[in-house]
Amino acid sequence: MAYIFMDESGDLGFDFKKKKTSQYFIITFIFTKDKRPLEKIVKKIFKGFSKKEIKNHSGILHAYKESPKTRQKLLNMFYEKRDSDVITIYLNKKKVYTKLHDEKHVLYNYVTNILLDRVCTKKLIPIDEKITVIASRRETNKFLNANFSSYIKDQAKSNHKLDIEIDILSPSQEKSLQITDMISWSIFRKYEHGDDTYYNLIKQKIVEENPLFR
């Protein structure tokens, strides 16, 4: 059994006149053969919280909201895990083809498939075993989620003869997604804000980090 956990940072808006529109969009995978060590990291973080902190978190770690101390602790713990690594792809949205600006879901699916293709081509996970992709839920629209799952499964089967399983879950349902969120956010900080403080803690775990649309 192999797992791929997926999350993204930034947005896919292209109106750069809006203050909250990001210049970069990042999709990140954590791949591992055993998700239990990742789940234990989240549990250990919560064990270190006070009762008030636990109450304020509602069972979920959010990279954006956490203290520097919590972020550093989690990333350092992840770095120590031997069997979990990272691959990421980043988009400078100003270089994305104009025709894709109004096709955000197509673009999202396309970028995700590129990452999955690289994981399989480089044999970063055992492709002769069952593979489960667990994506952090970004859409409430059931049709778009079904379209995403269908597209990725079809591409994996067509390009690599893989029969993969795809689950779209919330971070509260799958603790490992909380770690994926933290890592994706750390990489995003590097590109969007020029801050590599957190990125440097896990950069040696990143096996590939490439741009799309140069």
Protein backbone atom coordinates (compact mmCIF):
# COMPACT_ATOMS: atom_id res chain seq x y z
CA MET A 1 0.00 0.00 0.00
CA ALA A 2 1.23 3.48 -0.89
CA TYR A 3 -0.32 6.83 -0.07
CA ILE A 4 -0.16 10.23 -1.72
CA PHE A 5 -1.47 13.19 0.26
CA MET A 6 -2.27 16.30 -1.70
CA ASP A 7 -2.89 19.93 -0.84
CA GLU A 8 -2.43 23.32 -2.47
CA SER A 9 -1.54 26.88 -1.47
CA GLY A 10 -2.40 30.14 -3.11
CA ASP A 11 -5.42 30.60 -5.34
CA LEU A 12 -6.33 30.27 -9.00
CA GLY A 13 -7.67 33.79 -9.39
CA PHE A 14 -6.16 35.92 -12.16
CA ASP A 15 -7.40 39.38 -11.23
CA PHE A 16 -4.14 40.73 -9.87
CA LYS A 17 -5.75 44.06 -9.01
CA LYS A 18 -7.36 42.33 -6.05
CA LYS A 19 -5.17 42.41 -2.95
CA LYS A 20 -5.82 38.80 -1.95
CA THR A 21 -4.99 37.33 -5.36
CA SER A 22 -1.73 35.39 -5.09
CA GLN A 23 0.98 35.51 -7.72
CA TYR A 24 1.83 31.85 -7.20
CA PHE A 25 -0.20 28.67 -6.95
CA ILE A 26 1.37 25.53 -5.53
CA ILE A 27 0.31 21.87 -5.44
CA THR A 28 2.19 19.58 -3.10
CA PHE A 29 2.26 15.81 -2.66
CA ILE A 30 3.54 13.88 0.33
CA PHE A 31 4.10 10.26 -0.62
CA THR A 32 4.64 7.46 1.84
CA LYS A 33 4.14 3.72 2.31
CA ASP A 34 2.73 4.14 5.81
CA LYS A 35 0.55 7.01 6.93
CA ARG A 36 0.58 6.15 10.63
CA PRO A 37 3.86 7.98 11.41
CA LEU A 38 2.34 11.13 9.89
CA GLU A 39 -0.79 10.78 11.97
CA LYS A 40 1.37 10.39 15.08
CA ILE A 41 3.07 13.73 14.37
CA VAL A 42 -0.27 15.53 14.54
CA LYS A 43 -1.20 13.67 17.73
CA LYS A 44 2.11 14.63 19.35
CA ILE A 45 1.58 18.28 18.45
CA PHE A 46 -1.82 18.25 20.15
CA LYS A 47 -0.42 16.49 23.22
CA GLY A 48 1.90 19.48 23.66
CA PHE A 49 -0.96 21.99 23.66
CA SER A 50 -2.64 23.46 26.71
CA LYS A 51 -6.35 22.83 27.23
CA LYS A 52 -7.09 26.30 25.88
CA GLU A 53 -5.01 25.69 22.75
CA ILE A 54 -6.74 22.37 22.13
CA LYS A 55 -10.14 24.05 22.43
CA ASN A 56 -9.15 26.82 20.00
CA HIS A 57 -7.96 24.35 17.38
CA SER A 58 -11.12 22.23 17.12
CA GLY A 59 -8.94 19.23 16.27
CA ILE A 60 -7.26 20.76 13.23
CA LEU A 61 -3.87 22.37 12.60
CA HIS A 62 -3.93 25.25 10.10
CA ALA A 63 -0.53 26.36 8.82
CA TYR A 64 -1.63 29.97 8.39
CA LYS A 65 -2.92 30.23 11.96
CA GLU A 66 -0.24 28.32 13.87
CA SER A 67 2.51 29.88 15.96
CA PRO A 68 6.08 29.79 14.62
CA LYS A 69 6.93 27.37 17.42
CA THR A 70 4.23 24.89 16.37
CA ARG A 71 5.16 25.16 12.70
CA GLN A 72 8.82 24.53 13.39
CA LYS A 73 8.08 21.62 15.70
CA LEU A 74 5.85 19.90 13.16
CA LEU A 75 8.23 20.42 10.24
CA ASN A 76 11.20 19.17 12.25
CA MET A 77 9.26 16.06 13.20
CA PHE A 78 8.34 15.46 9.57
CA TYR A 79 11.97 15.89 8.51
CA GLU A 80 12.95 13.05 10.82
CA LYS A 81 10.54 10.60 9.17
CA ARG A 82 12.53 8.50 6.70
CA ASP A 83 9.71 7.04 4.61
CA SER A 84 7.85 10.23 3.71
CA ASP A 85 8.98 12.65 1.01
CA VAL A 86 7.66 15.59 -0.96
CA ILE A 87 7.22 16.60 -4.58
CA THR A 88 5.78 19.96 -5.60
CA ILE A 89 4.97 22.04 -8.63
CA TYR A 90 4.54 25.81 -8.65
CA LEU A 91 2.89 28.19 -11.07
CA ASN A 92 3.76 31.81 -11.57
CA LYS A 93 0.19 32.66 -12.56
CA LYS A 94 1.26 35.61 -14.68
CA LYS A 95 2.81 33.08 -17.07
CA VAL A 96 -0.24 30.84 -17.34
CA TYR A 97 -1.81 30.80 -20.79
CA THR A 98 -4.69 33.26 -21.01
CA LYS A 99 -7.07 30.61 -22.34
CA LEU A 100 -6.73 28.74 -19.03
CA HIS A 101 -7.71 31.72 -16.86
CA ASP A 102 -11.38 30.79 -17.13
CA GLU A 103 -10.74 27.05 -16.92
CA LYS A 104 -9.57 26.82 -13.33
CA HIS A 105 -10.76 23.27 -12.77
CA VAL A 106 -9.16 22.08 -15.99
CA LEU A 107 -5.91 23.73 -14.93
CA TYR A 108 -6.09 22.21 -11.45
CA ASN A 109 -6.68 18.72 -12.82
CA TYR A 110 -3.90 19.16 -15.37
CA VAL A 111 -1.31 20.23 -12.79
CA THR A 112 -2.29 17.42 -10.44
CA ASN A 113 -1.88 14.87 -13.20
CA ILE A 114 1.59 16.20 -14.04
CA LEU A 115 2.66 15.66 -10.44
CA LEU A 116 1.20 12.17 -10.33
CA ASP A 117 2.92 11.35 -13.62
CA ARG A 118 6.29 12.43 -12.21
CA VAL A 119 5.80 10.37 -9.06
CA CYS A 120 5.05 7.29 -11.16
CA THR A 121 7.72 7.88 -13.82
CA LYS A 122 10.41 8.38 -11.20
CA LYS A 123 9.07 5.36 -9.28
CA LEU A 124 8.94 7.37 -6.09
CA ILE A 125 6.31 4.95 -4.82
CA PRO A 126 5.84 1.24 -5.53
CA ILE A 127 3.65 1.24 -8.63
CA ASP A 128 2.99 -2.48 -8.31
CA GLU A 129 1.06 -1.92 -5.09
CA LYS A 130 -2.29 -0.32 -4.40
CA ILE A 131 -2.04 3.47 -4.42
CA THR A 132 -4.46 5.75 -2.62
CA VAL A 133 -4.46 9.47 -3.39
CA ILE A 134 -6.01 11.52 -0.60
CA ALA A 135 -6.74 15.08 -1.66
CA SER A 136 -7.74 17.88 0.68
CA ARG A 137 -11.30 18.90 -0.12
CA ARG A 138 -11.31 22.27 -1.92
CA GLU A 139 -14.72 21.99 -3.56
CA THR A 140 -18.19 21.37 -2.18
CA ASN A 141 -19.48 20.80 -5.70
CA LYS A 142 -19.94 17.04 -6.06
CA PHE A 143 -19.76 17.22 -9.85
CA LEU A 144 -16.34 18.94 -9.81
CA ASN A 145 -15.01 16.45 -7.26
CA ALA A 146 -16.28 13.55 -9.34
CA ASN A 147 -14.75 15.09 -12.46
CA PHE A 148 -11.39 15.46 -10.71
CA SER A 149 -11.42 11.85 -9.46
CA SER A 150 -12.46 10.46 -12.82
CA TYR A 151 -9.84 12.43 -14.74
CA ILE A 152 -6.94 11.48 -12.45
CA LYS A 153 -7.94 7.80 -12.35
CA ASP A 154 -8.32 7.66 -16.13
CA GLN A 155 -4.93 9.30 -16.67
CA ALA A 156 -3.18 6.97 -14.20
CA LYS A 157 -4.69 3.94 -15.90
CA SER A 158 -3.96 5.16 -19.43
CA ASN A 159 -0.39 6.38 -18.80
CA HIS A 160 0.87 3.97 -16.15
CA LYS A 161 -1.65 1.12 -16.07
CA LEU A 162 -2.42 1.97 -12.47
CA ASP A 163 -5.72 1.37 -10.75
CA ILE A 164 -5.60 4.03 -8.07
CA GLU A 165 -8.11 4.99 -5.43
CA ILE A 166 -8.94 8.64 -4.83
CA ASP A 167 -10.44 10.01 -1.63
CA ILE A 168 -11.36 13.66 -1.22
CA LEU A 169 -11.38 14.37 2.50
CA SER A 170 -11.20 17.23 4.95
CA PRO A 171 -8.16 17.71 7.23
CA SER A 172 -10.36 16.73 10.16
CA GLN A 173 -11.09 13.40 8.49
CA GLU A 174 -7.46 12.71 7.55
CA LYS A 175 -4.77 14.00 9.91
CA SER A 176 -1.96 13.59 7.38
CA LEU A 177 -3.54 16.35 5.29
CA GLN A 178 -2.75 18.76 8.11
CA ILE A 179 0.94 18.04 7.59
CA THR A 180 0.55 18.40 3.82
CA ASP A 181 -1.05 21.79 4.42
CA MET A 182 1.90 22.89 6.55
CA ILE A 183 4.45 21.79 3.97
CA SER A 184 2.60 23.31 1.03
CA TRP A 185 2.21 26.57 2.96
CA SER A 186 5.95 26.58 3.75
CA ILE A 187 6.85 26.20 0.07
CA PHE A 188 4.30 28.85 -0.88
CA ARG A 189 5.88 31.30 1.58
CA LYS A 190 9.17 30.91 -0.22
CA TYR A 191 7.77 31.91 -3.61
CA GLU A 192 5.00 34.31 -2.68
CA HIS A 193 6.74 36.21 0.11
CA GLY A 194 10.44 35.41 -0.29
CA ASP A 195 10.43 33.77 3.16
CA ASP A 196 12.26 30.43 3.24
CA THR A 197 12.34 30.13 7.04
CA TYR A 198 10.04 27.13 7.15
CA TYR A 199 10.94 25.79 3.72
CA ASN A 200 14.54 25.32 4.81
CA LEU A 201 13.43 22.93 7.57
CA ILE A 202 12.14 20.39 5.04
CA LYS A 203 13.91 21.24 1.77
CA GLN A 204 16.01 18.08 1.90
CA LYS A 205 12.79 16.05 1.88
CA ILE A 206 11.69 17.61 -1.42
CA VAL A 207 12.71 15.24 -4.20
CA GLU A 208 11.47 17.48 -7.00
CA GLU A 209 10.39 21.12 -7.15
CA ASN A 210 9.69 22.50 -10.60
CA PRO A 211 7.77 25.35 -12.21
CA LEU A 212 5.03 25.03 -14.78
CA PHE A 213 4.69 27.60 -17.59
CA ARG A 214 8.14 29.16 -17.40
